[in-house]
Amino acid sequence: MYGAKKHVDSWRSTVDEVLKSKVDELKVLGYKGANEEEVWMCHYTTVWKKDKVLRLHQVIQDIFHLSGSTYMNYLTVHAHEESDLFAQIKALQSQEE
């Protein structure tokens, strides 16, 4: 069962404690706002961007090896994407008026 390759979404609930451990580590390193969902999405959009079908041990290893710089890069890009989206929404709303 655990040696089989599955889509990473299938492993999400199984690795919950691993995510919590990584969040605790990131908080110790100064990333006070870190949470499980952000760590998961960081992996989902960066680490597993090309290959989302993995074995459980690969998912766990990737989570434990997440560096603070990779996490910070994800947060930075995500913040820019959100601000661009808000700007687009605001522009559309002003066009409607």
PDB file of N, CA and C in Angstrom:
ATOM      1  N   MET A   1       0.815  -1.200   0.000  1.00  0.00           N
ATOM      2  CA  MET A   1       0.000   0.000   0.000  1.00  0.00           C
ATOM      3  C   MET A   1       0.864   1.272   0.000  1.00  0.00           C
ATOM      4  N   TYR A   2       1.783   1.401   0.962  1.00  0.00           N
ATOM      5  CA  TYR A   2       2.576   2.621   1.054  1.00  0.00           C
ATOM      6  C   TYR A   2       3.698   2.666   0.021  1.00  0.00           C
ATOM      7  N   GLY A   3       4.042   1.517  -0.585  1.00  0.00           N
ATOM      8  CA  GLY A   3       5.072   1.491  -1.613  1.00  0.00           C
ATOM      9  C   GLY A   3       4.547   1.878  -2.978  1.00  0.00           C
ATOM     10  N   ALA A   4       3.239   1.955  -3.098  1.00  0.00           N
ATOM     11  CA  ALA A   4       2.614   2.292  -4.372  1.00  0.00           C
ATOM     12  C   ALA A   4       2.728   3.780  -4.654  1.00  0.00           C
ATOM     13  N   LYS A   5       2.805   4.107  -5.928  1.00  0.00           N
ATOM     14  CA  LYS A   5       2.787   5.508  -6.324  1.00  0.00           C
ATOM     15  C   LYS A   5       1.340   5.973  -6.418  1.00  0.00           C
ATOM     16  N   LYS A   6       1.085   7.136  -5.838  1.00  0.00           N
ATOM     17  CA  LYS A   6      -0.243   7.744  -5.890  1.00  0.00           C
ATOM     18  C   LYS A   6      -0.086   9.240  -6.122  1.00  0.00           C
ATOM     19  N   HIS A   7      -1.170   9.843  -6.540  1.00  0.00           N
ATOM     20  CA  HIS A   7      -1.177  11.296  -6.650  1.00  0.00           C
ATOM     21  C   HIS A   7      -0.966  11.876  -5.252  1.00  0.00           C
ATOM     22  N   VAL A   8      -0.197  12.937  -5.164  1.00  0.00           N
ATOM     23  CA  VAL A   8       0.136  13.497  -3.844  1.00  0.00           C
ATOM     24  C   VAL A   8      -1.104  13.850  -3.029  1.00  0.00           C
ATOM     25  N   ASP A   9      -2.197  14.205  -3.689  1.00  0.00           N
ATOM     26  CA  ASP A   9      -3.431  14.509  -2.958  1.00  0.00           C
ATOM     27  C   ASP A   9      -3.901  13.309  -2.134  1.00  0.00           C
ATOM     28  N   SER A  10      -3.610  12.104  -2.617  1.00  0.00           N
ATOM     29  CA  SER A  10      -3.999  10.891  -1.902  1.00  0.00           C
ATOM     30  C   SER A  10      -3.238  10.735  -0.582  1.00  0.00           C
ATOM     31  N   TRP A  11      -2.055  11.319  -0.508  1.00  0.00           N
ATOM     32  CA  TRP A  11      -1.226  11.198   0.693  1.00  0.00           C
ATOM     33  C   TRP A  11      -1.469  12.336   1.684  1.00  0.00           C
ATOM     34  N   ARG A  12      -2.263  13.330   1.328  1.00  0.00           N
ATOM     35  CA  ARG A  12      -2.412  14.551   2.140  1.00  0.00           C
ATOM     36  C   ARG A  12      -2.753  14.245   3.597  1.00  0.00           C
ATOM     37  N   SER A  13      -3.784  13.468   3.852  1.00  0.00           N
ATOM     38  CA  SER A  13      -4.181  13.204   5.250  1.00  0.00           C
ATOM     39  C   SER A  13      -3.162  12.318   5.972  1.00  0.00           C
ATOM     40  N   THR A  14      -2.459  11.495   5.234  1.00  0.00           N
ATOM     41  CA  THR A  14      -1.467  10.593   5.824  1.00  0.00           C
ATOM     42  C   THR A  14      -0.259  11.364   6.355  1.00  0.00           C
ATOM     43  N   VAL A  15       0.084  12.477   5.717  1.00  0.00           N
ATOM     44  CA  VAL A  15       1.293  13.227   6.078  1.00  0.00           C
ATOM     45  C   VAL A  15       0.993  14.450   6.949  1.00  0.00           C
ATOM     46  N   ASP A  16      -0.178  14.497   7.531  1.00  0.00           N
ATOM     47  CA  ASP A  16      -0.570  15.651   8.334  1.00  0.00           C
ATOM     48  C   ASP A  16       0.418  15.954   9.461  1.00  0.00           C
ATOM     49  N   GLU A  17       0.855  14.929  10.168  1.00  0.00           N
ATOM     50  CA  GLU A  17       1.804  15.135  11.268  1.00  0.00           C
ATOM     51  C   GLU A  17       3.163  15.616  10.749  1.00  0.00           C
ATOM     52  N   VAL A  18       3.546  15.161   9.582  1.00  0.00           N
ATOM     53  CA  VAL A  18       4.809  15.602   8.971  1.00  0.00           C
ATOM     54  C   VAL A  18       4.716  17.090   8.629  1.00  0.00           C
ATOM     55  N   LEU A  19       3.576  17.498   8.093  1.00  0.00           N
ATOM     56  CA  LEU A  19       3.372  18.919   7.787  1.00  0.00           C
ATOM     57  C   LEU A  19       3.424  19.766   9.057  1.00  0.00           C
ATOM     58  N   LYS A  20       2.796  19.287  10.110  1.00  0.00           N
ATOM     59  CA  LYS A  20       2.820  20.018  11.388  1.00  0.00           C
ATOM     60  C   LYS A  20       4.249  20.158  11.902  1.00  0.00           C
ATOM     61  N   SER A  21       5.023  19.109  11.764  1.00  0.00           N
ATOM     62  CA  SER A  21       6.412  19.146  12.192  1.00  0.00           C
ATOM     63  C   SER A  21       7.204  20.179  11.386  1.00  0.00           C
ATOM     64  N   LYS A  22       6.987  20.219  10.081  1.00  0.00           N
ATOM     65  CA  LYS A  22       7.684  21.186   9.237  1.00  0.00           C
ATOM     66  C   LYS A  22       7.262  22.611   9.580  1.00  0.00           C
ATOM     67  N   VAL A  23       5.979  22.804   9.854  1.00  0.00           N
ATOM     68  CA  VAL A  23       5.493  24.132  10.250  1.00  0.00           C
ATOM     69  C   VAL A  23       6.159  24.563  11.551  1.00  0.00           C
ATOM     70  N   ASP A  24       6.254  23.667  12.508  1.00  0.00           N
ATOM     71  CA  ASP A  24       6.934  23.986  13.772  1.00  0.00           C
ATOM     72  C   ASP A  24       8.382  24.394  13.514  1.00  0.00           C
ATOM     73  N   GLU A  25       9.051  23.674  12.639  1.00  0.00           N
ATOM     74  CA  GLU A  25      10.441  24.001  12.295  1.00  0.00           C
ATOM     75  C   GLU A  25      10.534  25.380  11.650  1.00  0.00           C
ATOM     76  N   LEU A  26       9.632  25.672  10.717  1.00  0.00           N
ATOM     77  CA  LEU A  26       9.654  26.973  10.040  1.00  0.00           C
ATOM     78  C   LEU A  26       9.395  28.105  11.038  1.00  0.00           C
ATOM     79  N   LYS A  27       8.528  27.866  11.991  1.00  0.00           N
ATOM     80  CA  LYS A  27       8.250  28.893  13.003  1.00  0.00           C
ATOM     81  C   LYS A  27       9.478  29.154  13.860  1.00  0.00           C
ATOM     82  N   VAL A  28      10.215  28.105  14.198  1.00  0.00           N
ATOM     83  CA  VAL A  28      11.451  28.267  14.963  1.00  0.00           C
ATOM     84  C   VAL A  28      12.461  29.088  14.146  1.00  0.00           C
ATOM     85  N   LEU A  29      12.437  28.913  12.831  1.00  0.00           N
ATOM     86  CA  LEU A  29      13.351  29.648  11.951  1.00  0.00           C
ATOM     87  C   LEU A  29      12.896  31.078  11.686  1.00  0.00           C
ATOM     88  N   GLY A  30      11.732  31.478  12.247  1.00  0.00           N
ATOM     89  CA  GLY A  30      11.285  32.857  12.123  1.00  0.00           C
ATOM     90  C   GLY A  30      10.106  33.080  11.201  1.00  0.00           C
ATOM     91  N   TYR A  31       9.589  32.031  10.581  1.00  0.00           N
ATOM     92  CA  TYR A  31       8.426  32.157   9.710  1.00  0.00           C
ATOM     93  C   TYR A  31       7.168  31.975  10.559  1.00  0.00           C
ATOM     94  N   LYS A  32       6.835  33.017  11.305  1.00  0.00           N
ATOM     95  CA  LYS A  32       5.783  32.928  12.330  1.00  0.00           C
ATOM     96  C   LYS A  32       4.412  32.605  11.757  1.00  0.00           C
ATOM     97  N   GLY A  33       4.130  33.006  10.534  1.00  0.00           N
ATOM     98  CA  GLY A  33       2.810  32.777   9.943  1.00  0.00           C
ATOM     99  C   GLY A  33       2.676  31.463   9.205  1.00  0.00           C
ATOM    100  N   ALA A  34       3.683  30.613   9.277  1.00  0.00           N
ATOM    101  CA  ALA A  34       3.654  29.350   8.538  1.00  0.00           C
ATOM    102  C   ALA A  34       2.481  28.482   8.996  1.00  0.00           C
ATOM    103  N   ASN A  35       1.868  27.804   8.040  1.00  0.00           N
ATOM    104  CA  ASN A  35       0.789  26.870   8.371  1.00  0.00           C
ATOM    105  C   ASN A  35       0.829  25.679   7.416  1.00  0.00           C
ATOM    106  N   GLU A  36       0.107  24.637   7.774  1.00  0.00           N
ATOM    107  CA  GLU A  36       0.147  23.387   7.013  1.00  0.00           C
ATOM    108  C   GLU A  36      -0.302  23.568   5.572  1.00  0.00           C
ATOM    109  N   GLU A  37      -1.343  24.357   5.367  1.00  0.00           N
ATOM    110  CA  GLU A  37      -1.867  24.539   4.010  1.00  0.00           C
ATOM    111  C   GLU A  37      -0.848  25.237   3.107  1.00  0.00           C
ATOM    112  N   GLU A  38      -0.171  26.263   3.624  1.00  0.00           N
ATOM    113  CA  GLU A  38       0.850  26.949   2.822  1.00  0.00           C
ATOM    114  C   GLU A  38       2.020  26.035   2.501  1.00  0.00           C
ATOM    115  N   VAL A  39       2.452  25.240   3.464  1.00  0.00           N
ATOM    116  CA  VAL A  39       3.561  24.310   3.224  1.00  0.00           C
ATOM    117  C   VAL A  39       3.154  23.292   2.166  1.00  0.00           C
ATOM    118  N   TRP A  40       1.929  22.795   2.262  1.00  0.00           N
ATOM    119  CA  TRP A  40       1.443  21.834   1.270  1.00  0.00           C
ATOM    120  C   TRP A  40       1.387  22.478  -0.119  1.00  0.00           C
ATOM    121  N   MET A  41       0.820  23.676  -0.213  1.00  0.00           N
ATOM    122  CA  MET A  41       0.697  24.345  -1.510  1.00  0.00           C
ATOM    123  C   MET A  41       2.055  24.741  -2.076  1.00  0.00           C
ATOM    124  N   CYS A  42       3.006  25.037  -1.207  1.00  0.00           N
ATOM    125  CA  CYS A  42       4.370  25.313  -1.648  1.00  0.00           C
ATOM    126  C   CYS A  42       4.929  24.093  -2.372  1.00  0.00           C
ATOM    127  N   HIS A  43       4.764  22.947  -1.779  1.00  0.00           N
ATOM    128  CA  HIS A  43       5.220  21.705  -2.416  1.00  0.00           C
ATOM    129  C   HIS A  43       4.439  21.444  -3.695  1.00  0.00           C
ATOM    130  N   TYR A  44       3.145  21.619  -3.617  1.00  0.00           N
ATOM    131  CA  TYR A  44       2.264  21.297  -4.737  1.00  0.00           C
ATOM    132  C   TYR A  44       2.609  22.122  -5.985  1.00  0.00           C
ATOM    133  N   THR A  45       2.914  23.408  -5.772  1.00  0.00           N
ATOM    134  CA  THR A  45       3.148  24.288  -6.922  1.00  0.00           C
ATOM    135  C   THR A  45       4.615  24.426  -7.314  1.00  0.00           C
ATOM    136  N   THR A  46       5.527  24.053  -6.431  1.00  0.00           N
ATOM    137  CA  THR A  46       6.945  24.197  -6.772  1.00  0.00           C
ATOM    138  C   THR A  46       7.670  22.860  -6.818  1.00  0.00           C
ATOM    139  N   VAL A  47       7.714  22.164  -5.710  1.00  0.00           N
ATOM    140  CA  VAL A  47       8.470  20.913  -5.606  1.00  0.00           C
ATOM    141  C   VAL A  47       7.864  19.822  -6.491  1.00  0.00           C
ATOM    142  N   TRP A  48       6.532  19.712  -6.460  1.00  0.00           N
ATOM    143  CA  TRP A  48       5.855  18.654  -7.227  1.00  0.00           C
ATOM    144  C   TRP A  48       5.221  19.191  -8.499  1.00  0.00           C
ATOM    145  N   LYS A  49       5.697  20.307  -8.975  1.00  0.00           N
ATOM    146  CA  LYS A  49       5.092  20.965 -10.134  1.00  0.00           C
ATOM    147  C   LYS A  49       5.004  20.032 -11.340  1.00  0.00           C
ATOM    148  N   LYS A  50       6.051  19.258 -11.593  1.00  0.00           N
ATOM    149  CA  LYS A  50       6.095  18.408 -12.782  1.00  0.00           C
ATOM    150  C   LYS A  50       5.661  16.974 -12.525  1.00  0.00           C
ATOM    151  N   ASP A  51       5.813  16.512 -11.295  1.00  0.00           N
ATOM    152  CA  ASP A  51       5.492  15.112 -10.999  1.00  0.00           C
ATOM    153  C   ASP A  51       4.713  15.028  -9.706  1.00  0.00           C
ATOM    154  N   LYS A  52       3.417  14.837  -9.811  1.00  0.00           N
ATOM    155  CA  LYS A  52       2.551  14.769  -8.639  1.00  0.00           C
ATOM    156  C   LYS A  52       2.163  13.336  -8.275  1.00  0.00           C
ATOM    157  N   VAL A  53       2.781  12.353  -8.923  1.00  0.00           N
ATOM    158  CA  VAL A  53       2.522  10.947  -8.605  1.00  0.00           C
ATOM    159  C   VAL A  53       3.785  10.392  -7.955  1.00  0.00           C
ATOM    160  N   LEU A  54       3.706  10.178  -6.640  1.00  0.00           N
ATOM    161  CA  LEU A  54       4.878   9.794  -5.855  1.00  0.00           C
ATOM    162  C   LEU A  54       4.530   8.715  -4.837  1.00  0.00           C
ATOM    163  N   ARG A  55       5.560   8.107  -4.310  1.00  0.00           N
ATOM    164  CA  ARG A  55       5.410   7.171  -3.197  1.00  0.00           C
ATOM    165  C   ARG A  55       5.363   7.970  -1.893  1.00  0.00           C
ATOM    166  N   LEU A  56       4.797   7.377  -0.868  1.00  0.00           N
ATOM    167  CA  LEU A  56       4.656   8.059   0.420  1.00  0.00           C
ATOM    168  C   LEU A  56       6.003   8.548   0.945  1.00  0.00           C
ATOM    169  N   HIS A  57       7.020   7.716   0.888  1.00  0.00           N
ATOM    170  CA  HIS A  57       8.313   8.120   1.438  1.00  0.00           C
ATOM    171  C   HIS A  57       8.897   9.311   0.682  1.00  0.00           C
ATOM    172  N   GLN A  58       8.586   9.443  -0.610  1.00  0.00           N
ATOM    173  CA  GLN A  58       9.068  10.591  -1.373  1.00  0.00           C
ATOM    174  C   GLN A  58       8.375  11.877  -0.924  1.00  0.00           C
ATOM    175  N   VAL A  59       7.071  11.786  -0.675  1.00  0.00           N
ATOM    176  CA  VAL A  59       6.313  12.947  -0.206  1.00  0.00           C
ATOM    177  C   VAL A  59       6.846  13.401   1.147  1.00  0.00           C
ATOM    178  N   ILE A  60       7.048  12.450   2.054  1.00  0.00           N
ATOM    179  CA  ILE A  60       7.564  12.779   3.390  1.00  0.00           C
ATOM    180  C   ILE A  60       8.960  13.385   3.299  1.00  0.00           C
ATOM    181  N   GLN A  61       9.800  12.789   2.496  1.00  0.00           N
ATOM    182  CA  GLN A  61      11.162  13.297   2.334  1.00  0.00           C
ATOM    183  C   GLN A  61      11.147  14.730   1.794  1.00  0.00           C
ATOM    184  N   ASP A  62      10.314  14.985   0.798  1.00  0.00           N
ATOM    185  CA  ASP A  62      10.224  16.335   0.236  1.00  0.00           C
ATOM    186  C   ASP A  62       9.775  17.348   1.281  1.00  0.00           C
ATOM    187  N   ILE A  63       8.803  16.967   2.099  1.00  0.00           N
ATOM    188  CA  ILE A  63       8.314  17.886   3.135  1.00  0.00           C
ATOM    189  C   ILE A  63       9.421  18.190   4.138  1.00  0.00           C
ATOM    190  N   PHE A  64      10.113  17.159   4.599  1.00  0.00           N
ATOM    191  CA  PHE A  64      11.178  17.375   5.573  1.00  0.00           C
ATOM    192  C   PHE A  64      12.349  18.176   4.999  1.00  0.00           C
ATOM    193  N   HIS A  65      12.581  18.089   3.699  1.00  0.00           N
ATOM    194  CA  HIS A  65      13.708  18.784   3.087  1.00  0.00           C
ATOM    195  C   HIS A  65      13.373  20.181   2.565  1.00  0.00           C
ATOM    196  N   LEU A  66      12.169  20.641   2.768  1.00  0.00           N
ATOM    197  CA  LEU A  66      11.800  21.990   2.326  1.00  0.00           C
ATOM    198  C   LEU A  66      12.673  23.016   3.034  1.00  0.00           C
ATOM    199  N   SER A  67      13.327  23.848   2.261  1.00  0.00           N
ATOM    200  CA  SER A  67      14.188  24.884   2.850  1.00  0.00           C
ATOM    201  C   SER A  67      13.390  26.155   3.104  1.00  0.00           C
ATOM    202  N   GLY A  68      13.882  26.950   4.024  1.00  0.00           N
ATOM    203  CA  GLY A  68      13.259  28.229   4.312  1.00  0.00           C
ATOM    204  C   GLY A  68      13.245  29.137   3.098  1.00  0.00           C
ATOM    205  N   SER A  69      14.300  29.084   2.289  1.00  0.00           N
ATOM    206  CA  SER A  69      14.355  29.952   1.101  1.00  0.00           C
ATOM    207  C   SER A  69      13.324  29.540   0.049  1.00  0.00           C
ATOM    208  N   THR A  70      13.115  28.237  -0.125  1.00  0.00           N
ATOM    209  CA  THR A  70      12.088  27.780  -1.071  1.00  0.00           C
ATOM    210  C   THR A  70      10.706  28.218  -0.590  1.00  0.00           C
ATOM    211  N   TYR A  71      10.481  28.087   0.700  1.00  0.00           N
ATOM    212  CA  TYR A  71       9.202  28.507   1.279  1.00  0.00           C
ATOM    213  C   TYR A  71       9.013  30.013   1.112  1.00  0.00           C
ATOM    214  N   MET A  72      10.058  30.790   1.366  1.00  0.00           N
ATOM    215  CA  MET A  72       9.966  32.247   1.230  1.00  0.00           C
ATOM    216  C   MET A  72       9.729  32.651  -0.222  1.00  0.00           C
ATOM    217  N   ASN A  73      10.391  31.982  -1.152  1.00  0.00           N
ATOM    218  CA  ASN A  73      10.161  32.265  -2.575  1.00  0.00           C
ATOM    219  C   ASN A  73       8.713  31.992  -2.954  1.00  0.00           C
ATOM    220  N   TYR A  74       8.171  30.880  -2.460  1.00  0.00           N
ATOM    221  CA  TYR A  74       6.764  30.567  -2.729  1.00  0.00           C
ATOM    222  C   TYR A  74       5.861  31.674  -2.189  1.00  0.00           C
ATOM    223  N   LEU A  75       6.088  32.102  -0.951  1.00  0.00           N
ATOM    224  CA  LEU A  75       5.260  33.151  -0.355  1.00  0.00           C
ATOM    225  C   LEU A  75       5.343  34.452  -1.143  1.00  0.00           C
ATOM    226  N   THR A  76       6.528  34.780  -1.605  1.00  0.00           N
ATOM    227  CA  THR A  76       6.725  36.011  -2.372  1.00  0.00           C
ATOM    228  C   THR A  76       5.965  35.963  -3.693  1.00  0.00           C
ATOM    229  N   VAL A  77       6.124  34.865  -4.423  1.00  0.00           N
ATOM    230  CA  VAL A  77       5.431  34.719  -5.707  1.00  0.00           C
ATOM    231  C   VAL A  77       3.927  34.704  -5.491  1.00  0.00           C
ATOM    232  N   HIS A  78       3.478  33.984  -4.469  1.00  0.00           N
ATOM    233  CA  HIS A  78       2.053  33.896  -4.169  1.00  0.00           C
ATOM    234  C   HIS A  78       1.481  35.281  -3.831  1.00  0.00           C
ATOM    235  N   ALA A  79       2.214  36.076  -3.085  1.00  0.00           N
ATOM    236  CA  ALA A  79       1.764  37.422  -2.728  1.00  0.00           C
ATOM    237  C   ALA A  79       1.656  38.303  -3.965  1.00  0.00           C
ATOM    238  N   HIS A  80       2.609  38.178  -4.883  1.00  0.00           N
ATOM    239  CA  HIS A  80       2.562  38.961  -6.117  1.00  0.00           C
ATOM    240  C   HIS A  80       1.374  38.540  -6.983  1.00  0.00           C
ATOM    241  N   GLU A  81       1.119  37.244  -7.059  1.00  0.00           N
ATOM    242  CA  GLU A  81      -0.020  36.750  -7.839  1.00  0.00           C
ATOM    243  C   GLU A  81      -1.329  37.265  -7.264  1.00  0.00           C
ATOM    244  N   GLU A  82      -1.450  37.250  -5.938  1.00  0.00           N
ATOM    245  CA  GLU A  82      -2.667  37.746  -5.302  1.00  0.00           C
ATOM    246  C   GLU A  82      -2.855  39.234  -5.537  1.00  0.00           C
ATOM    247  N   SER A  83      -1.776  40.002  -5.428  1.00  0.00           N
ATOM    248  CA  SER A  83      -1.904  41.448  -5.626  1.00  0.00           C
ATOM    249  C   SER A  83      -2.259  41.760  -7.075  1.00  0.00           C
ATOM    250  N   ASP A  84      -1.730  40.979  -8.025  1.00  0.00           N
ATOM    251  CA  ASP A  84      -2.090  41.160  -9.429  1.00  0.00           C
ATOM    252  C   ASP A  84      -3.564  40.844  -9.645  1.00  0.00           C
ATOM    253  N   LEU A  85      -4.060  39.806  -8.998  1.00  0.00           N
ATOM    254  CA  LEU A  85      -5.457  39.427  -9.119  1.00  0.00           C
ATOM    255  C   LEU A  85      -6.351  40.524  -8.568  1.00  0.00           C
ATOM    256  N   PHE A  86      -5.998  41.076  -7.405  1.00  0.00           N
ATOM    257  CA  PHE A  86      -6.802  42.151  -6.823  1.00  0.00           C
ATOM    258  C   PHE A  86      -6.791  43.383  -7.721  1.00  0.00           C
ATOM    259  N   ALA A  87      -5.654  43.670  -8.331  1.00  0.00           N
ATOM    260  CA  ALA A  87      -5.572  44.803  -9.248  1.00  0.00           C
ATOM    261  C   ALA A  87      -6.466  44.578 -10.462  1.00  0.00           C
ATOM    262  N   GLN A  88      -6.499  43.366 -10.977  1.00  0.00           N
ATOM    263  CA  GLN A  88      -7.349  43.052 -12.124  1.00  0.00           C
ATOM    264  C   GLN A  88      -8.830  43.173 -11.759  1.00  0.00           C
ATOM    265  N   ILE A  89      -9.188  42.689 -10.588  1.00  0.00           N
ATOM    266  CA  ILE A  89     -10.577  42.788 -10.139  1.00  0.00           C
ATOM    267  C   ILE A  89     -10.982  44.243  -9.993  1.00  0.00           C
ATOM    268  N   LYS A  90     -10.108  45.039  -9.395  1.00  0.00           N
ATOM    269  CA  LYS A  90     -10.391  46.452  -9.206  1.00  0.00           C
ATOM    270  C   LYS A  90     -10.558  47.164 -10.550  1.00  0.00           C
ATOM    271  N   ALA A  91      -9.696  46.815 -11.519  1.00  0.00           N
ATOM    272  CA  ALA A  91      -9.788  47.420 -12.851  1.00  0.00           C
ATOM    273  C   ALA A  91     -11.114  47.050 -13.529  1.00  0.00           C
ATOM    274  N   LEU A  92     -11.517  45.807 -13.399  1.00  0.00           N
ATOM    275  CA  LEU A  92     -12.790  45.381 -13.988  1.00  0.00           C
ATOM    276  C   LEU A  92     -13.976  46.087 -13.336  1.00  0.00           C
ATOM    277  N   GLN A  93     -13.917  46.244 -12.017  1.00  0.00           N
ATOM    278  CA  GLN A  93     -14.994  46.927 -11.320  1.00  0.00           C
ATOM    279  C   GLN A  93     -15.095  48.388 -11.733  1.00  0.00           C
ATOM    280  N   SER A  94     -13.975  49.040 -11.936  1.00  0.00           N
ATOM    281  CA  SER A  94     -13.998  50.438 -12.341  1.00  0.00           C
ATOM    282  C   SER A  94     -14.499  50.593 -13.777  1.00  0.00           C
ATOM    283  N   GLN A  95     -14.286  49.596 -14.631  1.00  0.00           N
ATOM    284  CA  GLN A  95     -14.793  49.634 -15.997  1.00  0.00           C
ATOM    285  C   GLN A  95     -16.304  49.487 -16.033  1.00  0.00           C
ATOM    286  N   GLU A  96     -16.850  48.750 -15.078  1.00  0.00           N
ATOM    287  CA  GLU A  96     -18.292  48.533 -15.022  1.00  0.00           C
ATOM    288  C   GLU A  96     -19.047  49.773 -14.563  1.00  0.00           C
ATOM    289  N   GLU A  97     -18.388  50.639 -13.840  1.00  0.00           N
ATOM    290  CA  GLU A  97     -19.048  51.826 -13.280  1.00  0.00           C
ATOM    291  C   GLU A  97     -19.186  52.922 -14.266  1.00  0.00           C
TER     292      GLU A  97
END
